Amino acid sequence: MEALTEILRYSFIQNALLIALFSGISCGIVGSYIVARRSVFLGGGVTHASFGGIGLAYLLGLNALWGAAVFAVAASLGIEYFERKGGIRKDSAIGIVWSVGMALGIICIHFTPGYTPDATSILFGNILTVPHSTIVASGILAAIVLIISIVWHRPIMFSAFDVDFARSQGVHTGVIAYSMAIITALTLVFSIQAIGIVMLISLLTFPAVIVGTLTKSYRKIACWSAVVAVVSNIAGLIFSYVWGIPTGAATIFTLAVSLIIVKMLSLYLNRKTLRANR
């Protein structure tokens, strides 16, 4: 607690806490949808594809964030389109956009004249350097994600678990799928600078898996995944300040340890319950 009080004196730490809050909310809720749909690697494919937009933006002298957003949305919609139309298998489409995006980004950064951007901060993130504009955009996105998750709760849940059943209930699964594809892409893009391309998929996956160990209710998983993601982001920020390690890595390590603890406790309680019933 003393460490948290001390670091809150700095404005850049306050900004980091805000992006930790906003990205945690968005990633927790969106991650619940992705995990329920068994499309975890969709997040990885879209995130790595956005690296192509970042590299191209650097080469053309444009805003890297918006370059990433365009590529991420295009990749996410493209994967969703091919999955629904059956032109290319989903895993194949993810592999294609993943590799092509990374390759294009590397080539563009290589040919960028003058100062070469630090690829390490892009790949592994730096929550302390997130600009104010990105924080505002992340806050707006978090509010949109919250509203959509409340208004469209049942259609999203039906579409995530069983598309055929959702369609039989009159749910416009195409609208849900493409809308969530765009939201997923934007959530990933606005979290890249904080967590990094390489480790962002973990922030989508770990919270939902941790909460899913304790409950099977989609509503509870979505709500508590956001809480777990936010707490882990803040804990990672504190650990990185105290021990001088990268924030993204500290956050993911916190989530990994939390998952191990929750799994062990769950196994222990299950065994205790079985013994009591014998």
C-alpha atoms as a PDB file:
ATOM      1  CA  MET A   1       0.000   0.000   0.000  1.00  0.00           C
ATOM      2  CA  GLU A   2       2.879   2.323   0.761  1.00  0.00           C
ATOM      3  CA  ALA A   3       4.363   1.683  -2.681  1.00  0.00           C
ATOM      4  CA  LEU A   4       1.040   2.535  -4.350  1.00  0.00           C
ATOM      5  CA  THR A   5       0.725   5.811  -2.392  1.00  0.00           C
ATOM      6  CA  GLU A   6       4.256   6.774  -3.324  1.00  0.00           C
ATOM      7  CA  ILE A   7       3.938   6.193  -7.061  1.00  0.00           C
ATOM      8  CA  LEU A   8       0.552   7.944  -7.283  1.00  0.00           C
ATOM      9  CA  ARG A   9       2.376  11.279  -6.888  1.00  0.00           C
ATOM     10  CA  TYR A  10       3.572  11.106 -10.489  1.00  0.00           C
ATOM     11  CA  SER A  11       1.259  12.123 -13.330  1.00  0.00           C
ATOM     12  CA  PHE A  12       2.592   9.487 -15.719  1.00  0.00           C
ATOM     13  CA  ILE A  13       1.777   6.826 -13.119  1.00  0.00           C
ATOM     14  CA  GLN A  14      -1.754   8.203 -12.841  1.00  0.00           C
ATOM     15  CA  ASN A  15      -2.076   7.931 -16.618  1.00  0.00           C
ATOM     16  CA  ALA A  16      -0.739   4.368 -16.453  1.00  0.00           C
ATOM     17  CA  LEU A  17      -3.375   3.484 -13.852  1.00  0.00           C
ATOM     18  CA  LEU A  18      -6.101   4.859 -16.116  1.00  0.00           C
ATOM     19  CA  ILE A  19      -4.975   2.800 -19.110  1.00  0.00           C
ATOM     20  CA  ALA A  20      -4.670  -0.213 -16.776  1.00  0.00           C
ATOM     21  CA  LEU A  21      -8.294   0.325 -15.736  1.00  0.00           C
ATOM     22  CA  PHE A  22      -9.678   0.888 -19.240  1.00  0.00           C
ATOM     23  CA  SER A  23      -7.731  -1.865 -20.982  1.00  0.00           C
ATOM     24  CA  GLY A  24      -8.569  -4.272 -18.162  1.00  0.00           C
ATOM     25  CA  ILE A  25     -12.303  -3.655 -18.527  1.00  0.00           C
ATOM     26  CA  SER A  26     -12.256  -4.054 -22.313  1.00  0.00           C
ATOM     27  CA  CYS A  27      -9.910  -7.053 -22.407  1.00  0.00           C
ATOM     28  CA  GLY A  28     -11.742  -8.827 -19.585  1.00  0.00           C
ATOM     29  CA  ILE A  29     -15.161  -8.579 -21.230  1.00  0.00           C
ATOM     30  CA  VAL A  30     -13.982  -9.198 -24.805  1.00  0.00           C
ATOM     31  CA  GLY A  31     -11.730 -12.017 -23.616  1.00  0.00           C
ATOM     32  CA  SER A  32     -14.741 -13.779 -22.084  1.00  0.00           C
ATOM     33  CA  TYR A  33     -16.425 -13.792 -25.498  1.00  0.00           C
ATOM     34  CA  ILE A  34     -13.297 -15.045 -27.258  1.00  0.00           C
ATOM     35  CA  VAL A  35     -12.650 -17.831 -24.726  1.00  0.00           C
ATOM     36  CA  ALA A  36     -16.305 -18.935 -24.758  1.00  0.00           C
ATOM     37  CA  ARG A  37     -16.182 -19.041 -28.550  1.00  0.00           C
ATOM     38  CA  ARG A  38     -12.896 -20.972 -28.456  1.00  0.00           C
ATOM     39  CA  SER A  39     -11.226 -18.368 -30.649  1.00  0.00           C
ATOM     40  CA  VAL A  40      -8.320 -17.393 -28.425  1.00  0.00           C
ATOM     41  CA  PHE A  41      -5.834 -17.353 -31.272  1.00  0.00           C
ATOM     42  CA  LEU A  42      -8.059 -14.905 -33.139  1.00  0.00           C
ATOM     43  CA  GLY A  43      -6.761 -12.312 -30.684  1.00  0.00           C
ATOM     44  CA  GLY A  44      -3.173 -13.310 -31.376  1.00  0.00           C
ATOM     45  CA  GLY A  45      -3.669 -13.221 -35.125  1.00  0.00           C
ATOM     46  CA  VAL A  46      -5.342  -9.806 -35.112  1.00  0.00           C
ATOM     47  CA  THR A  47      -2.786  -8.328 -32.723  1.00  0.00           C
ATOM     48  CA  HIS A  48       0.181  -9.492 -34.781  1.00  0.00           C
ATOM     49  CA  ALA A  49      -1.527  -8.435 -38.015  1.00  0.00           C
ATOM     50  CA  SER A  50      -1.792  -4.908 -36.598  1.00  0.00           C
ATOM     51  CA  PHE A  51       2.020  -4.764 -36.547  1.00  0.00           C
ATOM     52  CA  GLY A  52       1.813  -4.402 -40.325  1.00  0.00           C
ATOM     53  CA  GLY A  53      -0.298  -1.279 -39.903  1.00  0.00           C
ATOM     54  CA  ILE A  54       2.150   0.099 -37.349  1.00  0.00           C
ATOM     55  CA  GLY A  55       5.112  -0.437 -39.676  1.00  0.00           C
ATOM     56  CA  LEU A  56       3.302   1.052 -42.669  1.00  0.00           C
ATOM     57  CA  ALA A  57       2.232   4.074 -40.623  1.00  0.00           C
ATOM     58  CA  TYR A  58       5.841   4.680 -39.556  1.00  0.00           C
ATOM     59  CA  LEU A  59       6.996   4.412 -43.161  1.00  0.00           C
ATOM     60  CA  LEU A  60       4.365   6.897 -44.384  1.00  0.00           C
ATOM     61  CA  GLY A  61       4.795   9.258 -41.446  1.00  0.00           C
ATOM     62  CA  LEU A  62       1.278   8.633 -40.119  1.00  0.00           C
ATOM     63  CA  ASN A  63      -0.117   7.918 -36.656  1.00  0.00           C
ATOM     64  CA  ALA A  64       0.963   4.378 -35.749  1.00  0.00           C
ATOM     65  CA  LEU A  65      -2.098   3.726 -33.584  1.00  0.00           C
ATOM     66  CA  TRP A  66      -4.554   4.412 -36.375  1.00  0.00           C
ATOM     67  CA  GLY A  67      -2.487   2.366 -38.786  1.00  0.00           C
ATOM     68  CA  ALA A  68      -2.713  -0.528 -36.353  1.00  0.00           C
ATOM     69  CA  ALA A  69      -6.468   0.034 -35.944  1.00  0.00           C
ATOM     70  CA  VAL A  70      -7.124  -0.148 -39.693  1.00  0.00           C
ATOM     71  CA  PHE A  71      -5.105  -3.341 -40.097  1.00  0.00           C
ATOM     72  CA  ALA A  72      -6.574  -4.951 -36.971  1.00  0.00           C
ATOM     73  CA  VAL A  73     -10.185  -4.246 -37.970  1.00  0.00           C
ATOM     74  CA  ALA A  74      -9.542  -5.429 -41.534  1.00  0.00           C
ATOM     75  CA  ALA A  75      -7.862  -8.622 -40.280  1.00  0.00           C
ATOM     76  CA  SER A  76     -10.612  -9.351 -37.748  1.00  0.00           C
ATOM     77  CA  LEU A  77     -13.418  -8.800 -40.261  1.00  0.00           C
ATOM     78  CA  GLY A  78     -11.539 -10.812 -42.889  1.00  0.00           C
ATOM     79  CA  ILE A  79     -11.087 -13.799 -40.576  1.00  0.00           C
ATOM     80  CA  GLU A  80     -14.744 -13.616 -39.555  1.00  0.00           C
ATOM     81  CA  TYR A  81     -15.850 -13.410 -43.209  1.00  0.00           C
ATOM     82  CA  PHE A  82     -13.804 -16.432 -44.289  1.00  0.00           C
ATOM     83  CA  GLU A  83     -15.041 -18.446 -41.325  1.00  0.00           C
ATOM     84  CA  ARG A  84     -18.681 -17.712 -42.085  1.00  0.00           C
ATOM     85  CA  LYS A  85     -18.397 -18.164 -45.851  1.00  0.00           C
ATOM     86  CA  GLY A  86     -16.168 -21.207 -45.604  1.00  0.00           C
ATOM     87  CA  GLY A  87     -13.624 -20.010 -48.147  1.00  0.00           C
ATOM     88  CA  ILE A  88     -10.655 -20.570 -45.835  1.00  0.00           C
ATOM     89  CA  ARG A  89     -10.550 -22.431 -42.528  1.00  0.00           C
ATOM     90  CA  LYS A  90     -10.402 -20.131 -39.522  1.00  0.00           C
ATOM     91  CA  ASP A  91      -7.083 -21.428 -38.210  1.00  0.00           C
ATOM     92  CA  SER A  92      -5.547 -21.045 -41.660  1.00  0.00           C
ATOM     93  CA  ALA A  93      -6.876 -17.487 -42.022  1.00  0.00           C
ATOM     94  CA  ILE A  94      -5.465 -16.571 -38.596  1.00  0.00           C
ATOM     95  CA  GLY A  95      -2.073 -18.008 -39.516  1.00  0.00           C
ATOM     96  CA  ILE A  96      -2.026 -16.069 -42.790  1.00  0.00           C
ATOM     97  CA  VAL A  97      -2.901 -12.653 -41.339  1.00  0.00           C
ATOM     98  CA  TRP A  98      -0.598 -13.280 -38.349  1.00  0.00           C
ATOM     99  CA  SER A  99       2.499 -13.969 -40.468  1.00  0.00           C
ATOM    100  CA  VAL A 100       1.787 -11.472 -43.250  1.00  0.00           C
ATOM    101  CA  GLY A 101       1.119  -8.665 -40.773  1.00  0.00           C
ATOM    102  CA  MET A 102       4.352  -9.273 -38.879  1.00  0.00           C
ATOM    103  CA  ALA A 103       6.375  -9.584 -42.076  1.00  0.00           C
ATOM    104  CA  LEU A 104       4.937  -6.376 -43.536  1.00  0.00           C
ATOM    105  CA  GLY A 105       5.583  -4.494 -40.303  1.00  0.00           C
ATOM    106  CA  ILE A 106       9.217  -5.609 -40.155  1.00  0.00           C
ATOM    107  CA  ILE A 107       9.814  -4.695 -43.804  1.00  0.00           C
ATOM    108  CA  CYS A 108       8.212  -1.260 -43.447  1.00  0.00           C
ATOM    109  CA  ILE A 109      10.174  -0.454 -40.276  1.00  0.00           C
ATOM    110  CA  HIS A 110      13.367  -1.560 -42.013  1.00  0.00           C
ATOM    111  CA  PHE A 111      12.783   0.913 -44.854  1.00  0.00           C
ATOM    112  CA  THR A 112      11.623   3.755 -42.604  1.00  0.00           C
ATOM    113  CA  PRO A 113      14.076   6.621 -43.182  1.00  0.00           C
ATOM    114  CA  GLY A 114      15.857   8.335 -40.302  1.00  0.00           C
ATOM    115  CA  TYR A 115      14.946   7.264 -36.795  1.00  0.00           C
ATOM    116  CA  THR A 116      13.991   3.597 -36.553  1.00  0.00           C
ATOM    117  CA  PRO A 117      11.181   2.981 -34.049  1.00  0.00           C
ATOM    118  CA  ASP A 118      11.953   0.816 -31.041  1.00  0.00           C
ATOM    119  CA  ALA A 119      10.344  -2.492 -31.938  1.00  0.00           C
ATOM    120  CA  THR A 120      10.830  -3.761 -28.375  1.00  0.00           C
ATOM    121  CA  SER A 121       8.344  -1.268 -26.917  1.00  0.00           C
ATOM    122  CA  ILE A 122       5.840  -2.232 -29.608  1.00  0.00           C
ATOM    123  CA  LEU A 123       6.246  -5.963 -29.062  1.00  0.00           C
ATOM    124  CA  PHE A 124       6.370  -5.918 -25.257  1.00  0.00           C
ATOM    125  CA  GLY A 125       4.602  -2.651 -24.422  1.00  0.00           C
ATOM    126  CA  ASN A 126       5.398   0.272 -22.146  1.00  0.00           C
ATOM    127  CA  ILE A 127       2.441   1.383 -20.073  1.00  0.00           C
ATOM    128  CA  LEU A 128       4.275   4.499 -18.860  1.00  0.00           C
ATOM    129  CA  THR A 129       4.519   6.024 -22.351  1.00  0.00           C
ATOM    130  CA  VAL A 130       0.878   5.707 -23.439  1.00  0.00           C
ATOM    131  CA  PRO A 131      -0.216   9.136 -24.753  1.00  0.00           C
ATOM    132  CA  HIS A 132      -3.224  11.010 -23.381  1.00  0.00           C
ATOM    133  CA  SER A 133      -5.174  10.606 -26.646  1.00  0.00           C
ATOM    134  CA  THR A 134      -4.903   6.815 -26.402  1.00  0.00           C
ATOM    135  CA  ILE A 135      -6.063   6.901 -22.783  1.00  0.00           C
ATOM    136  CA  VAL A 136      -9.149   8.913 -23.755  1.00  0.00           C
ATOM    137  CA  ALA A 137      -9.890   6.578 -26.672  1.00  0.00           C
ATOM    138  CA  SER A 138      -9.462   3.560 -24.382  1.00  0.00           C
ATOM    139  CA  GLY A 139     -11.896   5.077 -21.872  1.00  0.00           C
ATOM    140  CA  ILE A 140     -14.502   5.649 -24.575  1.00  0.00           C
ATOM    141  CA  LEU A 141     -14.014   2.111 -25.886  1.00  0.00           C
ATOM    142  CA  ALA A 142     -14.339   0.637 -22.372  1.00  0.00           C
ATOM    143  CA  ALA A 143     -17.655   2.489 -21.938  1.00  0.00           C
ATOM    144  CA  ILE A 144     -18.889   1.192 -25.319  1.00  0.00           C
ATOM    145  CA  VAL A 145     -17.857  -2.367 -24.462  1.00  0.00           C
ATOM    146  CA  LEU A 146     -19.698  -2.143 -21.132  1.00  0.00           C
ATOM    147  CA  ILE A 147     -22.873  -0.831 -22.765  1.00  0.00           C
ATOM    148  CA  ILE A 148     -22.861  -3.433 -25.539  1.00  0.00           C
ATOM    149  CA  SER A 149     -22.162  -6.270 -23.086  1.00  0.00           C
ATOM    150  CA  ILE A 150     -25.213  -5.195 -21.052  1.00  0.00           C
ATOM    151  CA  VAL A 151     -27.608  -4.472 -23.930  1.00  0.00           C
ATOM    152  CA  TRP A 152     -26.575  -7.458 -26.069  1.00  0.00           C
ATOM    153  CA  HIS A 153     -25.786  -9.860 -23.235  1.00  0.00           C
ATOM    154  CA  ARG A 154     -28.038 -12.738 -24.302  1.00  0.00           C
ATOM    155  CA  PRO A 155     -27.407 -12.519 -28.079  1.00  0.00           C
ATOM    156  CA  ILE A 156     -23.649 -12.379 -27.489  1.00  0.00           C
ATOM    157  CA  MET A 157     -23.813 -15.320 -25.076  1.00  0.00           C
ATOM    158  CA  PHE A 158     -25.901 -17.419 -27.482  1.00  0.00           C
ATOM    159  CA  SER A 159     -23.618 -16.587 -30.407  1.00  0.00           C
ATOM    160  CA  ALA A 160     -20.488 -17.396 -28.410  1.00  0.00           C
ATOM    161  CA  PHE A 161     -21.626 -20.852 -27.260  1.00  0.00           C
ATOM    162  CA  ASP A 162     -23.899 -22.097 -30.075  1.00  0.00           C
ATOM    163  CA  VAL A 163     -24.379 -20.170 -33.308  1.00  0.00           C
ATOM    164  CA  ASP A 164     -27.056 -22.541 -34.638  1.00  0.00           C
ATOM    165  CA  PHE A 165     -29.138 -22.242 -31.468  1.00  0.00           C
ATOM    166  CA  ALA A 166     -28.728 -18.450 -31.518  1.00  0.00           C
ATOM    167  CA  ARG A 167     -29.913 -18.360 -35.110  1.00  0.00           C
ATOM    168  CA  SER A 168     -32.933 -20.495 -34.237  1.00  0.00           C
ATOM    169  CA  GLN A 169     -33.837 -17.961 -31.539  1.00  0.00           C
ATOM    170  CA  GLY A 170     -33.912 -15.160 -34.080  1.00  0.00           C
ATOM    171  CA  VAL A 171     -30.517 -13.701 -33.170  1.00  0.00           C
ATOM    172  CA  HIS A 172     -28.805 -11.889 -36.031  1.00  0.00           C
ATOM    173  CA  THR A 173     -25.586 -13.825 -35.613  1.00  0.00           C
ATOM    174  CA  GLY A 174     -23.903 -12.070 -38.524  1.00  0.00           C
ATOM    175  CA  VAL A 175     -24.402  -8.654 -36.952  1.00  0.00           C
ATOM    176  CA  ILE A 176     -23.153  -9.938 -33.594  1.00  0.00           C
ATOM    177  CA  ALA A 177     -20.125 -11.645 -35.120  1.00  0.00           C
ATOM    178  CA  TYR A 178     -18.968  -8.684 -37.208  1.00  0.00           C
ATOM    179  CA  SER A 179     -19.682  -6.175 -34.431  1.00  0.00           C
ATOM    180  CA  MET A 180     -17.690  -8.210 -31.927  1.00  0.00           C
ATOM    181  CA  ALA A 181     -14.909  -8.609 -34.500  1.00  0.00           C
ATOM    182  CA  ILE A 182     -14.575  -4.816 -34.723  1.00  0.00           C
ATOM    183  CA  ILE A 183     -14.751  -4.373 -30.934  1.00  0.00           C
ATOM    184  CA  THR A 184     -12.153  -7.102 -30.429  1.00  0.00           C
ATOM    185  CA  ALA A 185      -9.804  -5.464 -32.932  1.00  0.00           C
ATOM    186  CA  LEU A 186     -10.123  -2.017 -31.327  1.00  0.00           C
ATOM    187  CA  THR A 187      -9.699  -3.462 -27.819  1.00  0.00           C
ATOM    188  CA  LEU A 188      -6.461  -5.100 -28.907  1.00  0.00           C
ATOM    189  CA  VAL A 189      -5.147  -1.990 -30.656  1.00  0.00           C
ATOM    190  CA  PHE A 190      -5.766   0.370 -27.734  1.00  0.00           C
ATOM    191  CA  SER A 191      -4.035  -2.084 -25.378  1.00  0.00           C
ATOM    192  CA  ILE A 192      -0.935  -2.700 -27.507  1.00  0.00           C
ATOM    193  CA  GLN A 193       1.058   0.216 -26.124  1.00  0.00           C
ATOM    194  CA  ALA A 194       0.361  -0.869 -22.552  1.00  0.00           C
ATOM    195  CA  ILE A 195       0.846  -4.646 -22.770  1.00  0.00           C
ATOM    196  CA  GLY A 196       2.608  -5.230 -26.086  1.00  0.00           C
ATOM    197  CA  ILE A 197       1.802  -7.340 -29.129  1.00  0.00           C
ATOM    198  CA  VAL A 198       3.511 -10.475 -27.856  1.00  0.00           C
ATOM    199  CA  MET A 199       1.763 -10.691 -24.466  1.00  0.00           C
ATOM    200  CA  LEU A 200      -1.617  -9.104 -25.172  1.00  0.00           C
ATOM    201  CA  ILE A 201      -3.264 -12.430 -25.963  1.00  0.00           C
ATOM    202  CA  SER A 202      -2.603 -13.441 -22.328  1.00  0.00           C
ATOM    203  CA  LEU A 203      -4.619 -10.500 -20.980  1.00  0.00           C
ATOM    204  CA  LEU A 204      -7.556 -11.704 -23.076  1.00  0.00           C
ATOM    205  CA  THR A 205      -7.241 -15.327 -22.006  1.00  0.00           C
ATOM    206  CA  PHE A 206      -6.083 -15.579 -18.390  1.00  0.00           C
ATOM    207  CA  PRO A 207      -8.894 -13.598 -16.669  1.00  0.00           C
ATOM    208  CA  ALA A 208     -11.668 -15.587 -18.371  1.00  0.00           C
ATOM    209  CA  VAL A 209      -9.938 -18.902 -17.620  1.00  0.00           C
ATOM    210  CA  ILE A 210      -9.350 -17.933 -13.981  1.00  0.00           C
ATOM    211  CA  VAL A 211     -12.976 -16.928 -13.406  1.00  0.00           C
ATOM    212  CA  GLY A 212     -14.229 -19.856 -15.504  1.00  0.00           C
ATOM    213  CA  THR A 213     -12.604 -22.190 -12.987  1.00  0.00           C
ATOM    214  CA  LEU A 214     -14.960 -20.863 -10.307  1.00  0.00           C
ATOM    215  CA  THR A 215     -18.211 -20.368 -12.223  1.00  0.00           C
ATOM    216  CA  LYS A 216     -19.859 -21.419 -15.486  1.00  0.00           C
ATOM    217  CA  SER A 217     -22.169 -18.407 -15.712  1.00  0.00           C
ATOM    218  CA  TYR A 218     -21.232 -16.307 -18.740  1.00  0.00           C
ATOM    219  CA  ARG A 219     -22.512 -13.133 -17.081  1.00  0.00           C
ATOM    220  CA  LYS A 220     -20.341 -13.715 -14.011  1.00  0.00           C
ATOM    221  CA  ILE A 221     -17.336 -14.669 -16.128  1.00  0.00           C
ATOM    222  CA  ALA A 222     -17.609 -11.465 -18.156  1.00  0.00           C
ATOM    223  CA  CYS A 223     -18.037  -9.258 -15.074  1.00  0.00           C
ATOM    224  CA  TRP A 224     -15.348 -10.832 -12.926  1.00  0.00           C
ATOM    225  CA  SER A 225     -12.896 -11.213 -15.810  1.00  0.00           C
ATOM    226  CA  ALA A 226     -12.893  -7.438 -16.151  1.00  0.00           C
ATOM    227  CA  VAL A 227     -12.202  -7.127 -12.412  1.00  0.00           C
ATOM    228  CA  VAL A 228      -9.387  -9.688 -12.557  1.00  0.00           C
ATOM    229  CA  ALA A 229      -7.828  -7.984 -15.590  1.00  0.00           C
ATOM    230  CA  VAL A 230      -7.931  -4.538 -13.950  1.00  0.00           C
ATOM    231  CA  VAL A 231      -6.474  -5.798 -10.654  1.00  0.00           C
ATOM    232  CA  SER A 232      -3.736  -7.703 -12.503  1.00  0.00           C
ATOM    233  CA  ASN A 233      -2.860  -4.630 -14.580  1.00  0.00           C
ATOM    234  CA  ILE A 234      -2.524  -2.505 -11.450  1.00  0.00           C
ATOM    235  CA  ALA A 235      -0.586  -5.224  -9.618  1.00  0.00           C
ATOM    236  CA  GLY A 236       1.753  -5.540 -12.598  1.00  0.00           C
ATOM    237  CA  LEU A 237       2.311  -1.794 -12.560  1.00  0.00           C
ATOM    238  CA  ILE A 238       3.178  -1.868  -8.844  1.00  0.00           C
ATOM    239  CA  PHE A 239       5.509  -4.854  -9.231  1.00  0.00           C
ATOM    240  CA  SER A 240       7.272  -3.241 -12.173  1.00  0.00           C
ATOM    241  CA  TYR A 241       7.818  -0.062 -10.129  1.00  0.00           C
ATOM    242  CA  VAL A 242       9.119  -1.941  -7.084  1.00  0.00           C
ATOM    243  CA  TRP A 243      11.312  -4.468  -8.885  1.00  0.00           C
ATOM    244  CA  GLY A 244      12.172  -2.544 -12.055  1.00  0.00           C
ATOM    245  CA  ILE A 245      10.785  -5.109 -14.499  1.00  0.00           C
ATOM    246  CA  PRO A 246       8.635  -4.521 -17.636  1.00  0.00           C
ATOM    247  CA  THR A 247       5.009  -3.872 -16.704  1.00  0.00           C
ATOM    248  CA  GLY A 248       3.514  -6.146 -19.368  1.00  0.00           C
ATOM    249  CA  ALA A 249       5.613  -9.104 -18.237  1.00  0.00           C
ATOM    250  CA  ALA A 250       4.777  -8.402 -14.572  1.00  0.00           C
ATOM    251  CA  THR A 251       1.068  -8.322 -15.386  1.00  0.00           C
ATOM    252  CA  ILE A 252       1.114 -11.616 -17.257  1.00  0.00           C
ATOM    253  CA  PHE A 253       3.215 -13.267 -14.550  1.00  0.00           C
ATOM    254  CA  THR A 254       0.674 -12.075 -11.958  1.00  0.00           C
ATOM    255  CA  LEU A 255      -2.135 -13.627 -13.994  1.00  0.00           C
ATOM    256  CA  ALA A 256      -0.221 -16.882 -14.423  1.00  0.00           C
ATOM    257  CA  VAL A 257       0.439 -17.202 -10.678  1.00  0.00           C
ATOM    258  CA  SER A 258      -3.205 -16.350  -9.945  1.00  0.00           C
ATOM    259  CA  LEU A 259      -4.383 -19.081 -12.330  1.00  0.00           C
ATOM    260  CA  ILE A 260      -2.132 -21.668 -10.662  1.00  0.00           C
ATOM    261  CA  ILE A 261      -3.388 -20.698  -7.201  1.00  0.00           C
ATOM    262  CA  VAL A 262      -7.054 -20.760  -8.259  1.00  0.00           C
ATOM    263  CA  LYS A 263      -6.648 -24.130  -9.991  1.00  0.00           C
ATOM    264  CA  MET A 264      -4.930 -25.655  -6.951  1.00  0.00           C
ATOM    265  CA  LEU A 265      -7.597 -24.341  -4.592  1.00  0.00           C
ATOM    266  CA  SER A 266     -10.334 -25.590  -6.892  1.00  0.00           C
ATOM    267  CA  LEU A 267      -8.813 -29.086  -7.030  1.00  0.00           C
ATOM    268  CA  TYR A 268      -8.384 -29.131  -3.265  1.00  0.00           C
ATOM    269  CA  LEU A 269     -11.995 -28.093  -2.624  1.00  0.00           C
ATOM    270  CA  ASN A 270     -13.323 -30.616  -5.153  1.00  0.00           C
ATOM    271  CA  ARG A 271     -11.365 -33.439  -3.542  1.00  0.00           C
ATOM    272  CA  LYS A 272     -12.552 -32.329  -0.104  1.00  0.00           C
ATOM    273  CA  THR A 273     -16.154 -32.343  -1.297  1.00  0.00           C
ATOM    274  CA  LEU A 274     -15.797 -35.830  -2.808  1.00  0.00           C
ATOM    275  CA  ARG A 275     -14.325 -37.210   0.413  1.00  0.00           C
ATOM    276  CA  ALA A 276     -17.126 -35.631   2.439  1.00  0.00           C
ATOM    277  CA  ASN A 277     -19.766 -37.270   0.220  1.00  0.00           C
ATOM    278  CA  ARG A 278     -18.316 -40.758   0.529  1.00  0.00           C
END
